Amino acid sequence: MKRFPVGPALALALLPSAALAHPGHDGMVGAAAGFAHPFGGADHLLAMLAVGLIAALRGGRALWAVPLAFLAMMGLGAGLGMAGLALPFVESAILASLVAFGVLALLSRRLPTALLAGLVGAFAVFHGHAHGAEMPETASGLAYALGFVGATALLHAAGLGLGLTARRLGPAATDDAALPRETARG
């Protein structure tokens, strides 16, 4: 995208508080606490919107493969966090994911879907670990997980909507001749 607003997005992603915004959800339990968690910090909110945006900008199989890769690997990371297994550099990886997802959004039309899904999935483990490790002690693991998976899917859908709209309205949408086409295998 030739006019993608990189500056404001990068500035927001580099704010020190972006990766340290995981408040407790006082008074919430189960699915409500899980659903609220992704909305409680700019890091999760922006990353999950970006996943949908990346998928929409790539198009084709990426529309489902990229968000599903994130959800699946986020589930794995959440299980690790809920089990109390340590994962190094979680907050740093979450912050790095914001920068990486910005780059992937810019390059999404030129990268294979499998690569996009793999990179997004690798970062999703860290996002999931944060969700699982920050589960309130009073929350049911299954209900909490269903809540944050539902919120994540909703944010992915919002990012997809933004990306599909940008593709329709943006000047880059008319200049696709030099870009690789996704094949039935891609």
C-alpha atoms as a PDB file:
ATOM      1  CA  MET A   1       0.000   0.000   0.000  1.00  0.00           C
ATOM      2  CA  LYS A   2       1.634   3.187  -1.161  1.00  0.00           C
ATOM      3  CA  ARG A   3      -0.037   5.480   1.379  1.00  0.00           C
ATOM      4  CA  PHE A   4      -0.107   3.199   4.412  1.00  0.00           C
ATOM      5  CA  PRO A   5       0.171   5.402   7.564  1.00  0.00           C
ATOM      6  CA  VAL A   6       3.323   3.755   8.909  1.00  0.00           C
ATOM      7  CA  GLY A   7       4.465   6.656  11.094  1.00  0.00           C
ATOM      8  CA  PRO A   8       1.523   6.812  13.530  1.00  0.00           C
ATOM      9  CA  ALA A   9       1.276   3.032  13.788  1.00  0.00           C
ATOM     10  CA  LEU A  10       4.991   2.675  14.468  1.00  0.00           C
ATOM     11  CA  ALA A  11       4.946   5.473  17.059  1.00  0.00           C
ATOM     12  CA  LEU A  12       2.058   3.827  18.909  1.00  0.00           C
ATOM     13  CA  ALA A  13       3.725   0.415  18.785  1.00  0.00           C
ATOM     14  CA  LEU A  14       6.940   1.802  20.228  1.00  0.00           C
ATOM     15  CA  LEU A  15       5.306   3.420  23.239  1.00  0.00           C
ATOM     16  CA  PRO A  16       6.772   1.801  26.370  1.00  0.00           C
ATOM     17  CA  SER A  17       3.327   1.094  27.794  1.00  0.00           C
ATOM     18  CA  ALA A  18       2.191  -0.848  24.726  1.00  0.00           C
ATOM     19  CA  ALA A  19       3.564  -4.178  25.934  1.00  0.00           C
ATOM     20  CA  LEU A  20       2.890  -3.603  29.617  1.00  0.00           C
ATOM     21  CA  ALA A  21      -0.849  -3.083  29.582  1.00  0.00           C
ATOM     22  CA  HIS A  22      -2.357  -6.212  31.061  1.00  0.00           C
ATOM     23  CA  PRO A  23      -4.674  -5.033  33.795  1.00  0.00           C
ATOM     24  CA  GLY A  24      -6.512  -7.359  36.099  1.00  0.00           C
ATOM     25  CA  HIS A  25     -10.192  -7.695  35.414  1.00  0.00           C
ATOM     26  CA  ASP A  26     -11.502  -7.079  38.896  1.00  0.00           C
ATOM     27  CA  GLY A  27     -14.851  -8.621  39.530  1.00  0.00           C
ATOM     28  CA  MET A  28     -14.924 -10.592  36.287  1.00  0.00           C
ATOM     29  CA  VAL A  29     -14.783 -14.351  36.132  1.00  0.00           C
ATOM     30  CA  GLY A  30     -14.728 -17.021  33.456  1.00  0.00           C
ATOM     31  CA  ALA A  31     -15.621 -16.087  29.919  1.00  0.00           C
ATOM     32  CA  ALA A  32     -16.156 -12.406  30.787  1.00  0.00           C
ATOM     33  CA  ALA A  33     -12.613 -12.082  32.150  1.00  0.00           C
ATOM     34  CA  GLY A  34     -11.214 -13.891  29.112  1.00  0.00           C
ATOM     35  CA  PHE A  35     -13.221 -11.765  26.705  1.00  0.00           C
ATOM     36  CA  ALA A  36     -12.113  -8.539  28.409  1.00  0.00           C
ATOM     37  CA  HIS A  37      -8.397  -9.389  28.428  1.00  0.00           C
ATOM     38  CA  PRO A  38      -7.581  -8.629  24.740  1.00  0.00           C
ATOM     39  CA  PHE A  39      -9.305  -5.247  25.056  1.00  0.00           C
ATOM     40  CA  GLY A  40      -7.338  -4.300  28.191  1.00  0.00           C
ATOM     41  CA  GLY A  41      -4.023  -3.591  26.511  1.00  0.00           C
ATOM     42  CA  ALA A  42      -3.047  -1.820  23.325  1.00  0.00           C
ATOM     43  CA  ASP A  43      -0.563  -4.590  22.540  1.00  0.00           C
ATOM     44  CA  HIS A  44      -3.142  -7.356  22.205  1.00  0.00           C
ATOM     45  CA  LEU A  45      -5.754  -5.122  20.626  1.00  0.00           C
ATOM     46  CA  LEU A  46      -3.432  -3.817  17.915  1.00  0.00           C
ATOM     47  CA  ALA A  47      -1.846  -7.191  17.221  1.00  0.00           C
ATOM     48  CA  MET A  48      -5.159  -8.970  16.811  1.00  0.00           C
ATOM     49  CA  LEU A  49      -6.528  -6.285  14.523  1.00  0.00           C
ATOM     50  CA  ALA A  50      -3.273  -6.466  12.543  1.00  0.00           C
ATOM     51  CA  VAL A  51      -3.653 -10.222  12.015  1.00  0.00           C
ATOM     52  CA  GLY A  52      -6.981  -9.662  10.283  1.00  0.00           C
ATOM     53  CA  LEU A  53      -5.515  -6.777   8.294  1.00  0.00           C
ATOM     54  CA  ILE A  54      -2.575  -8.913   7.122  1.00  0.00           C
ATOM     55  CA  ALA A  55      -4.933 -11.690   6.043  1.00  0.00           C
ATOM     56  CA  ALA A  56      -7.219  -9.305   4.172  1.00  0.00           C
ATOM     57  CA  LEU A  57      -4.384  -7.566   2.382  1.00  0.00           C
ATOM     58  CA  ARG A  58      -2.980 -10.932   1.229  1.00  0.00           C
ATOM     59  CA  GLY A  59      -6.379 -12.300   0.282  1.00  0.00           C
ATOM     60  CA  GLY A  60      -7.152 -15.809  -0.972  1.00  0.00           C
ATOM     61  CA  ARG A  61      -6.431 -18.589   1.497  1.00  0.00           C
ATOM     62  CA  ALA A  62      -4.855 -16.114   3.884  1.00  0.00           C
ATOM     63  CA  LEU A  63      -8.342 -14.874   4.768  1.00  0.00           C
ATOM     64  CA  TRP A  64      -8.829 -17.962   6.915  1.00  0.00           C
ATOM     65  CA  ALA A  65      -5.318 -19.446   7.246  1.00  0.00           C
ATOM     66  CA  VAL A  66      -3.641 -16.484   8.957  1.00  0.00           C
ATOM     67  CA  PRO A  67      -6.316 -15.871  11.640  1.00  0.00           C
ATOM     68  CA  LEU A  68      -6.695 -19.613  12.280  1.00  0.00           C
ATOM     69  CA  ALA A  69      -2.913 -19.992  12.666  1.00  0.00           C
ATOM     70  CA  PHE A  70      -2.986 -17.223  15.249  1.00  0.00           C
ATOM     71  CA  LEU A  71      -5.911 -18.772  17.134  1.00  0.00           C
ATOM     72  CA  ALA A  72      -4.395 -22.256  17.166  1.00  0.00           C
ATOM     73  CA  MET A  73      -0.961 -21.163  18.309  1.00  0.00           C
ATOM     74  CA  MET A  74      -2.452 -18.718  20.801  1.00  0.00           C
ATOM     75  CA  GLY A  75      -4.292 -21.690  22.301  1.00  0.00           C
ATOM     76  CA  LEU A  76      -1.011 -23.562  22.649  1.00  0.00           C
ATOM     77  CA  GLY A  77       0.617 -20.579  24.348  1.00  0.00           C
ATOM     78  CA  ALA A  78      -2.386 -20.119  26.647  1.00  0.00           C
ATOM     79  CA  GLY A  79      -2.134 -23.740  27.720  1.00  0.00           C
ATOM     80  CA  LEU A  80       1.522 -23.200  28.603  1.00  0.00           C
ATOM     81  CA  GLY A  81       0.645 -20.080  30.594  1.00  0.00           C
ATOM     82  CA  MET A  82      -2.262 -21.718  32.417  1.00  0.00           C
ATOM     83  CA  ALA A  83      -0.016 -24.652  33.307  1.00  0.00           C
ATOM     84  CA  GLY A  84       2.476 -22.235  34.840  1.00  0.00           C
ATOM     85  CA  LEU A  85       5.223 -23.105  32.366  1.00  0.00           C
ATOM     86  CA  ALA A  86       7.598 -20.216  31.860  1.00  0.00           C
ATOM     87  CA  LEU A  87       8.221 -18.803  28.416  1.00  0.00           C
ATOM     88  CA  PRO A  88      11.118 -16.346  28.128  1.00  0.00           C
ATOM     89  CA  PHE A  89      10.736 -12.797  26.809  1.00  0.00           C
ATOM     90  CA  VAL A  90       6.918 -12.870  26.564  1.00  0.00           C
ATOM     91  CA  GLU A  91       6.404  -9.111  26.814  1.00  0.00           C
ATOM     92  CA  SER A  92       9.351  -8.382  24.511  1.00  0.00           C
ATOM     93  CA  ALA A  93       8.012 -10.827  21.917  1.00  0.00           C
ATOM     94  CA  ILE A  94       4.560  -9.250  22.127  1.00  0.00           C
ATOM     95  CA  LEU A  95       6.064  -5.819  21.525  1.00  0.00           C
ATOM     96  CA  ALA A  96       8.174  -7.214  18.661  1.00  0.00           C
ATOM     97  CA  SER A  97       5.018  -8.711  17.170  1.00  0.00           C
ATOM     98  CA  LEU A  98       3.522  -5.246  16.759  1.00  0.00           C
ATOM     99  CA  VAL A  99       6.481  -4.106  14.708  1.00  0.00           C
ATOM    100  CA  ALA A 100       6.623  -7.402  12.795  1.00  0.00           C
ATOM    101  CA  PHE A 101       2.893  -7.319  12.041  1.00  0.00           C
ATOM    102  CA  GLY A 102       3.262  -3.788  10.687  1.00  0.00           C
ATOM    103  CA  VAL A 103       6.009  -4.985   8.358  1.00  0.00           C
ATOM    104  CA  LEU A 104       3.963  -8.047   7.365  1.00  0.00           C
ATOM    105  CA  ALA A 105       0.990  -5.823   6.557  1.00  0.00           C
ATOM    106  CA  LEU A 106       3.188  -3.787   4.230  1.00  0.00           C
ATOM    107  CA  LEU A 107       4.641  -6.916   2.577  1.00  0.00           C
ATOM    108  CA  SER A 108       1.602  -9.201   2.783  1.00  0.00           C
ATOM    109  CA  ARG A 109       0.798  -9.078  -0.941  1.00  0.00           C
ATOM    110  CA  ARG A 110       4.303 -10.289  -1.792  1.00  0.00           C
ATOM    111  CA  LEU A 111       4.709 -13.061   0.809  1.00  0.00           C
ATOM    112  CA  PRO A 112       3.335 -16.615   0.607  1.00  0.00           C
ATOM    113  CA  THR A 113       0.360 -17.379   2.779  1.00  0.00           C
ATOM    114  CA  ALA A 114       2.207 -20.208   4.555  1.00  0.00           C
ATOM    115  CA  LEU A 115       4.996 -17.837   5.579  1.00  0.00           C
ATOM    116  CA  LEU A 116       2.522 -15.232   6.844  1.00  0.00           C
ATOM    117  CA  ALA A 117       0.618 -17.871   8.830  1.00  0.00           C
ATOM    118  CA  GLY A 118       3.835 -19.290  10.284  1.00  0.00           C
ATOM    119  CA  LEU A 119       5.180 -15.927  11.404  1.00  0.00           C
ATOM    120  CA  VAL A 120       1.840 -14.835  12.840  1.00  0.00           C
ATOM    121  CA  GLY A 121       1.498 -18.202  14.594  1.00  0.00           C
ATOM    122  CA  ALA A 122       4.964 -17.962  16.141  1.00  0.00           C
ATOM    123  CA  PHE A 123       4.114 -14.632  17.752  1.00  0.00           C
ATOM    124  CA  ALA A 124       0.673 -15.909  18.776  1.00  0.00           C
ATOM    125  CA  VAL A 125       2.303 -18.349  21.208  1.00  0.00           C
ATOM    126  CA  PHE A 126       3.533 -15.364  23.227  1.00  0.00           C
ATOM    127  CA  HIS A 127       0.182 -13.580  23.100  1.00  0.00           C
ATOM    128  CA  GLY A 128      -1.524 -16.776  24.239  1.00  0.00           C
ATOM    129  CA  HIS A 129       0.967 -17.279  27.050  1.00  0.00           C
ATOM    130  CA  ALA A 130       0.170 -13.800  28.349  1.00  0.00           C
ATOM    131  CA  HIS A 131      -3.556 -14.603  28.261  1.00  0.00           C
ATOM    132  CA  GLY A 132      -3.089 -17.905  30.055  1.00  0.00           C
ATOM    133  CA  ALA A 133      -0.603 -16.672  32.650  1.00  0.00           C
ATOM    134  CA  GLU A 134      -2.843 -13.723  33.540  1.00  0.00           C
ATOM    135  CA  MET A 135      -5.970 -15.807  33.996  1.00  0.00           C
ATOM    136  CA  PRO A 136      -7.658 -14.803  37.259  1.00  0.00           C
ATOM    137  CA  GLU A 137      -7.399 -17.474  39.933  1.00  0.00           C
ATOM    138  CA  THR A 138     -11.176 -17.534  40.255  1.00  0.00           C
ATOM    139  CA  ALA A 139     -11.752 -18.168  36.533  1.00  0.00           C
ATOM    140  CA  SER A 140     -12.544 -21.514  34.989  1.00  0.00           C
ATOM    141  CA  GLY A 141      -9.785 -22.310  32.485  1.00  0.00           C
ATOM    142  CA  LEU A 142     -12.183 -23.433  29.756  1.00  0.00           C
ATOM    143  CA  ALA A 143     -14.599 -20.520  30.169  1.00  0.00           C
ATOM    144  CA  TYR A 144     -11.733 -18.024  30.306  1.00  0.00           C
ATOM    145  CA  ALA A 145     -10.169 -19.529  27.164  1.00  0.00           C
ATOM    146  CA  LEU A 146     -13.484 -19.424  25.301  1.00  0.00           C
ATOM    147  CA  GLY A 147     -13.792 -15.752  26.232  1.00  0.00           C
ATOM    148  CA  PHE A 148     -10.390 -14.680  24.963  1.00  0.00           C
ATOM    149  CA  VAL A 149     -10.637 -16.850  21.847  1.00  0.00           C
ATOM    150  CA  GLY A 150     -14.011 -15.262  21.080  1.00  0.00           C
ATOM    151  CA  ALA A 151     -12.648 -11.749  21.598  1.00  0.00           C
ATOM    152  CA  THR A 152      -9.601 -12.559  19.477  1.00  0.00           C
ATOM    153  CA  ALA A 153     -11.746 -13.908  16.638  1.00  0.00           C
ATOM    154  CA  LEU A 154     -13.906 -10.784  16.819  1.00  0.00           C
ATOM    155  CA  LEU A 155     -10.814  -8.546  16.610  1.00  0.00           C
ATOM    156  CA  HIS A 156      -9.476 -10.600  13.690  1.00  0.00           C
ATOM    157  CA  ALA A 157     -12.821 -10.127  11.933  1.00  0.00           C
ATOM    158  CA  ALA A 158     -12.626  -6.371  12.527  1.00  0.00           C
ATOM    159  CA  GLY A 159      -9.106  -6.335  11.061  1.00  0.00           C
ATOM    160  CA  LEU A 160     -10.337  -8.350   8.078  1.00  0.00           C
ATOM    161  CA  GLY A 161     -13.081  -5.794   7.532  1.00  0.00           C
ATOM    162  CA  LEU A 162     -10.606  -2.921   7.697  1.00  0.00           C
ATOM    163  CA  GLY A 163      -8.225  -4.662   5.323  1.00  0.00           C
ATOM    164  CA  LEU A 164     -10.874  -5.598   2.788  1.00  0.00           C
ATOM    165  CA  THR A 165     -12.173  -2.045   2.834  1.00  0.00           C
ATOM    166  CA  ALA A 166      -8.636  -0.691   2.382  1.00  0.00           C
ATOM    167  CA  ARG A 167      -8.098  -3.003  -0.585  1.00  0.00           C
ATOM    168  CA  ARG A 168     -11.269  -1.746  -2.237  1.00  0.00           C
ATOM    169  CA  LEU A 169     -10.625   1.934  -1.562  1.00  0.00           C
ATOM    170  CA  GLY A 170      -6.829   2.202  -1.681  1.00  0.00           C
ATOM    171  CA  PRO A 171      -4.790   3.197  -4.723  1.00  0.00           C
ATOM    172  CA  ALA A 172      -2.616   0.071  -4.340  1.00  0.00           C
ATOM    173  CA  ALA A 173      -5.660  -2.079  -5.094  1.00  0.00           C
ATOM    174  CA  THR A 174      -5.553  -1.019  -8.723  1.00  0.00           C
ATOM    175  CA  ASP A 175      -1.845  -1.725  -9.198  1.00  0.00           C
ATOM    176  CA  ASP A 176      -1.733  -5.529  -8.790  1.00  0.00           C
ATOM    177  CA  ALA A 177      -0.172  -6.472 -12.127  1.00  0.00           C
ATOM    178  CA  ALA A 178       3.354  -6.880 -10.717  1.00  0.00           C
ATOM    179  CA  LEU A 179       2.265  -8.847  -7.647  1.00  0.00           C
ATOM    180  CA  PRO A 180       2.303 -12.635  -7.474  1.00  0.00           C
ATOM    181  CA  ARG A 181      -1.040 -14.362  -7.689  1.00  0.00           C
ATOM    182  CA  GLU A 182      -1.989 -16.908  -5.083  1.00  0.00           C
ATOM    183  CA  THR A 183      -2.390 -20.299  -6.672  1.00  0.00           C
ATOM    184  CA  ALA A 184      -4.650 -23.126  -5.585  1.00  0.00           C
ATOM    185  CA  ARG A 185      -1.712 -24.492  -3.562  1.00  0.00           C
ATOM    186  CA  GLY A 186      -0.603 -21.099  -2.115  1.00  0.00           C
END
